């Protein structure tokens, strides 16, 4: 389903979007859809991070001192 909408944007942004859509070979509508989708996805990631911080924020994530030496040895043997 496609929803039609009307928005008001500053003229300089409109002109820049027109140029970019032309360079990309897409319609203005497709350019706006792509931009909004990217923006929404970026903010969804922030929401997920905030929720994880809320859930795990109270947990001590420091490495157990007994494991520091064995872990350092294991890391030094790996070739990244």
N, C-alpha and C. Protein backbone atom coordinates (compact mmCIF):
# COMPACT_ATOMS: atom_id res chain seq x y z
N UNK A 1 0.84 -1.16 0.00
CA UNK A 1 0.00 0.00 0.00
C UNK A 1 0.90 1.24 0.00
N UNK A 2 0.51 2.23 -0.74
CA UNK A 2 1.24 3.49 -0.81
C UNK A 2 0.38 4.58 -0.21
N UNK A 3 0.99 5.38 0.64
CA UNK A 3 0.28 6.50 1.26
C UNK A 3 0.79 7.79 0.65
N UNK A 4 -0.12 8.66 0.27
CA UNK A 4 0.27 9.97 -0.24
C UNK A 4 0.29 10.95 0.92
N UNK A 5 1.26 11.87 0.86
CA UNK A 5 1.37 12.87 1.90
C UNK A 5 1.90 14.16 1.29
N UNK A 6 1.71 15.23 1.99
CA UNK A 6 2.25 16.52 1.57
C UNK A 6 3.12 17.04 2.71
N UNK A 7 4.30 17.54 2.36
CA UNK A 7 5.19 18.09 3.36
C UNK A 7 5.69 19.44 2.87
N UNK A 8 6.13 20.25 3.81
CA UNK A 8 6.73 21.54 3.48
C UNK A 8 8.20 21.46 3.85
N UNK A 9 9.06 21.78 2.89
CA UNK A 9 10.50 21.78 3.14
C UNK A 9 11.09 23.07 2.60
N UNK A 10 12.19 23.53 3.16
CA UNK A 10 12.83 24.73 2.65
C UNK A 10 13.24 24.58 1.17
N UNK A 11 13.16 25.67 0.44
CA UNK A 11 13.41 25.65 -0.99
C UNK A 11 14.81 25.11 -1.33
N UNK A 12 15.82 25.49 -0.54
CA UNK A 12 17.19 25.04 -0.85
C UNK A 12 17.33 23.53 -0.70
N UNK A 13 16.63 22.93 0.26
CA UNK A 13 16.66 21.47 0.42
C UNK A 13 15.91 20.82 -0.74
N UNK A 14 14.79 21.40 -1.13
CA UNK A 14 14.03 20.87 -2.26
C UNK A 14 14.89 20.85 -3.52
N UNK A 15 15.58 21.96 -3.78
CA UNK A 15 16.43 22.04 -4.98
C UNK A 15 17.56 21.01 -4.93
N UNK A 16 18.17 20.88 -3.77
CA UNK A 16 19.24 19.88 -3.61
C UNK A 16 18.72 18.47 -3.83
N UNK A 17 17.52 18.20 -3.33
CA UNK A 17 16.92 16.88 -3.50
C UNK A 17 16.61 16.62 -4.97
N UNK A 18 16.12 17.62 -5.66
CA UNK A 18 15.83 17.49 -7.09
C UNK A 18 17.11 17.12 -7.86
N UNK A 19 18.19 17.81 -7.56
CA UNK A 19 19.46 17.53 -8.23
C UNK A 19 19.95 16.12 -7.94
N UNK A 20 19.88 15.74 -6.67
CA UNK A 20 20.34 14.41 -6.27
C UNK A 20 19.49 13.32 -6.92
N UNK A 21 18.19 13.49 -6.92
CA UNK A 21 17.32 12.50 -7.56
C UNK A 21 17.67 12.35 -9.03
N UNK A 22 17.95 13.48 -9.70
CA UNK A 22 18.36 13.43 -11.10
C UNK A 22 19.66 12.68 -11.30
N UNK A 23 20.64 12.95 -10.45
CA UNK A 23 21.93 12.26 -10.54
C UNK A 23 21.78 10.76 -10.30
N UNK A 24 20.89 10.42 -9.36
CA UNK A 24 20.70 9.01 -9.02
C UNK A 24 19.77 8.30 -9.99
N UNK A 25 19.07 9.06 -10.79
CA UNK A 25 18.14 8.45 -11.75
C UNK A 25 16.89 7.88 -11.09
N UNK A 26 16.45 8.53 -10.00
CA UNK A 26 15.24 8.09 -9.30
C UNK A 26 14.27 9.25 -9.21
N UNK A 27 13.03 8.93 -8.94
CA UNK A 27 12.03 9.99 -8.77
C UNK A 27 12.26 10.69 -7.44
N UNK A 28 11.70 11.88 -7.33
CA UNK A 28 11.78 12.62 -6.08
C UNK A 28 11.11 11.81 -4.97
N UNK A 29 9.99 11.19 -5.26
CA UNK A 29 9.31 10.37 -4.25
C UNK A 29 10.20 9.23 -3.77
N UNK A 30 10.87 8.57 -4.70
CA UNK A 30 11.75 7.46 -4.31
C UNK A 30 12.91 7.96 -3.47
N UNK A 31 13.45 9.12 -3.81
CA UNK A 31 14.53 9.69 -3.02
C UNK A 31 14.06 9.95 -1.59
N UNK A 32 12.88 10.54 -1.44
CA UNK A 32 12.36 10.83 -0.11
C UNK A 32 12.08 9.55 0.67
N UNK A 33 11.53 8.54 0.01
CA UNK A 33 11.26 7.26 0.68
C UNK A 33 12.57 6.66 1.18
N UNK A 34 13.60 6.68 0.34
CA UNK A 34 14.90 6.12 0.72
C UNK A 34 15.48 6.87 1.90
N UNK A 35 15.39 8.19 1.87
CA UNK A 35 15.94 9.01 2.96
C UNK A 35 15.19 8.77 4.26
N UNK A 36 13.89 8.75 4.20
CA UNK A 36 13.09 8.55 5.42
C UNK A 36 13.32 7.15 5.98
N UNK A 37 13.39 6.16 5.12
CA UNK A 37 13.64 4.79 5.57
C UNK A 37 14.97 4.69 6.30
N UNK A 38 15.99 5.31 5.74
CA UNK A 38 17.31 5.30 6.37
C UNK A 38 17.28 5.99 7.73
N UNK A 39 16.60 7.10 7.81
CA UNK A 39 16.48 7.85 9.06
C UNK A 39 15.74 7.03 10.12
N UNK A 40 14.65 6.41 9.73
CA UNK A 40 13.87 5.60 10.67
C UNK A 40 14.70 4.41 11.16
N UNK A 41 15.40 3.73 10.27
CA UNK A 41 16.23 2.59 10.65
C UNK A 41 17.32 3.00 11.62
N UNK A 42 17.92 4.17 11.40
CA UNK A 42 18.97 4.65 12.30
C UNK A 42 18.41 4.87 13.70
N UNK A 43 17.22 5.40 13.79
CA UNK A 43 16.62 5.66 15.10
C UNK A 43 16.09 4.40 15.75
N UNK A 44 15.69 3.41 14.97
CA UNK A 44 15.29 2.13 15.54
C UNK A 44 16.48 1.47 16.22
N UNK A 45 17.66 1.59 15.62
CA UNK A 45 18.87 1.05 16.22
C UNK A 45 19.17 1.71 17.55
N UNK A 46 18.93 3.02 17.63
CA UNK A 46 19.13 3.73 18.89
C UNK A 46 18.18 3.22 19.96
N UNK A 47 16.94 2.93 19.57
CA UNK A 47 15.96 2.43 20.53
C UNK A 47 16.36 1.06 21.05
N UNK A 48 16.89 0.22 20.18
CA UNK A 48 17.34 -1.11 20.60
C UNK A 48 18.50 -0.99 21.57
N UNK A 49 19.45 -0.12 21.27
CA UNK A 49 20.58 0.09 22.16
C UNK A 49 20.13 0.60 23.51
N UNK A 50 19.19 1.54 23.52
CA UNK A 50 18.67 2.08 24.79
C UNK A 50 18.00 0.98 25.60
N UNK A 51 17.25 0.12 24.95
CA UNK A 51 16.57 -0.97 25.66
C UNK A 51 17.59 -1.96 26.23
N UNK A 52 18.61 -2.30 25.46
CA UNK A 52 19.65 -3.20 25.96
C UNK A 52 20.38 -2.58 27.15
N UNK A 53 20.66 -1.29 27.06
CA UNK A 53 21.31 -0.61 28.19
C UNK A 53 20.42 -0.63 29.42
N UNK A 54 19.12 -0.49 29.22
CA UNK A 54 18.17 -0.53 30.33
C UNK A 54 18.16 -1.91 30.98
N UNK A 55 18.16 -2.96 30.15
CA UNK A 55 18.09 -4.32 30.66
C UNK A 55 19.39 -4.75 31.32
N UNK A 56 20.53 -4.43 30.68
CA UNK A 56 21.81 -4.94 31.17
C UNK A 56 22.66 -3.89 31.89
N UNK A 57 22.16 -2.69 32.04
CA UNK A 57 22.94 -1.61 32.62
C UNK A 57 23.38 -1.84 34.05
N UNK A 58 22.66 -2.63 34.79
CA UNK A 58 22.98 -2.87 36.20
C UNK A 58 23.92 -4.06 36.40
N UNK A 59 24.25 -4.76 35.32
CA UNK A 59 25.08 -5.96 35.43
C UNK A 59 26.56 -5.57 35.32
N UNK A 60 27.36 -6.10 36.22
CA UNK A 60 28.80 -5.86 36.19
C UNK A 60 29.41 -6.66 35.05
N UNK A 61 29.96 -5.97 34.08
CA UNK A 61 30.50 -6.66 32.90
C UNK A 61 32.03 -6.72 32.91
N UNK A 62 32.62 -6.39 34.03
CA UNK A 62 34.09 -6.47 34.10
C UNK A 62 34.55 -7.92 34.05
N UNK A 63 35.70 -8.13 33.48
CA UNK A 63 36.29 -9.46 33.38
C UNK A 63 36.74 -9.92 34.76
N UNK A 64 36.43 -11.16 35.08
CA UNK A 64 36.86 -11.75 36.34
C UNK A 64 38.39 -11.71 36.36
N UNK A 65 38.99 -11.18 37.44
CA UNK A 65 40.46 -11.09 37.51
C UNK A 65 41.16 -12.42 37.28
N UNK A 66 40.53 -13.55 37.64
CA UNK A 66 41.13 -14.87 37.45
C UNK A 66 41.25 -15.22 35.97
N UNK A 67 40.45 -14.57 35.13
CA UNK A 67 40.46 -14.89 33.71
C UNK A 67 41.36 -13.97 32.87
N UNK A 68 41.86 -12.90 33.46
CA UNK A 68 42.65 -11.94 32.70
C UNK A 68 43.90 -12.55 32.06
N UNK A 69 44.66 -13.27 32.83
CA UNK A 69 45.90 -13.85 32.33
C UNK A 69 45.64 -14.90 31.24
N UNK A 70 44.74 -15.88 31.47
CA UNK A 70 44.47 -16.87 30.41
C UNK A 70 43.90 -16.22 29.15
N UNK A 71 43.08 -15.20 29.32
CA UNK A 71 42.52 -14.55 28.14
C UNK A 71 43.61 -13.81 27.36
N UNK A 72 44.49 -13.13 28.07
CA UNK A 72 45.58 -12.42 27.41
C UNK A 72 46.45 -13.38 26.62
N UNK A 73 46.70 -14.57 27.17
CA UNK A 73 47.48 -15.58 26.46
C UNK A 73 46.77 -16.05 25.20
N UNK A 74 45.48 -16.29 25.33
CA UNK A 74 44.69 -16.77 24.18
C UNK A 74 44.64 -15.72 23.08
N UNK A 75 44.50 -14.48 23.44
CA UNK A 75 44.43 -13.41 22.44
C UNK A 75 45.77 -13.26 21.72
N UNK A 76 46.86 -13.37 22.47
CA UNK A 76 48.17 -13.19 21.84
C UNK A 76 48.49 -14.31 20.85
N UNK A 77 47.84 -15.48 20.98
CA UNK A 77 48.08 -16.59 20.06
C UNK A 77 47.27 -16.46 18.78
N UNK A 78 46.19 -15.69 18.84
CA UNK A 78 45.33 -15.53 17.65
C UNK A 78 45.93 -14.53 16.68
N UNK A 79 45.80 -14.83 15.42
CA UNK A 79 46.26 -13.93 14.37
C UNK A 79 45.06 -13.26 13.76
N UNK A 80 44.90 -12.00 14.00
CA UNK A 80 43.75 -11.26 13.49
C UNK A 80 44.04 -10.93 12.09
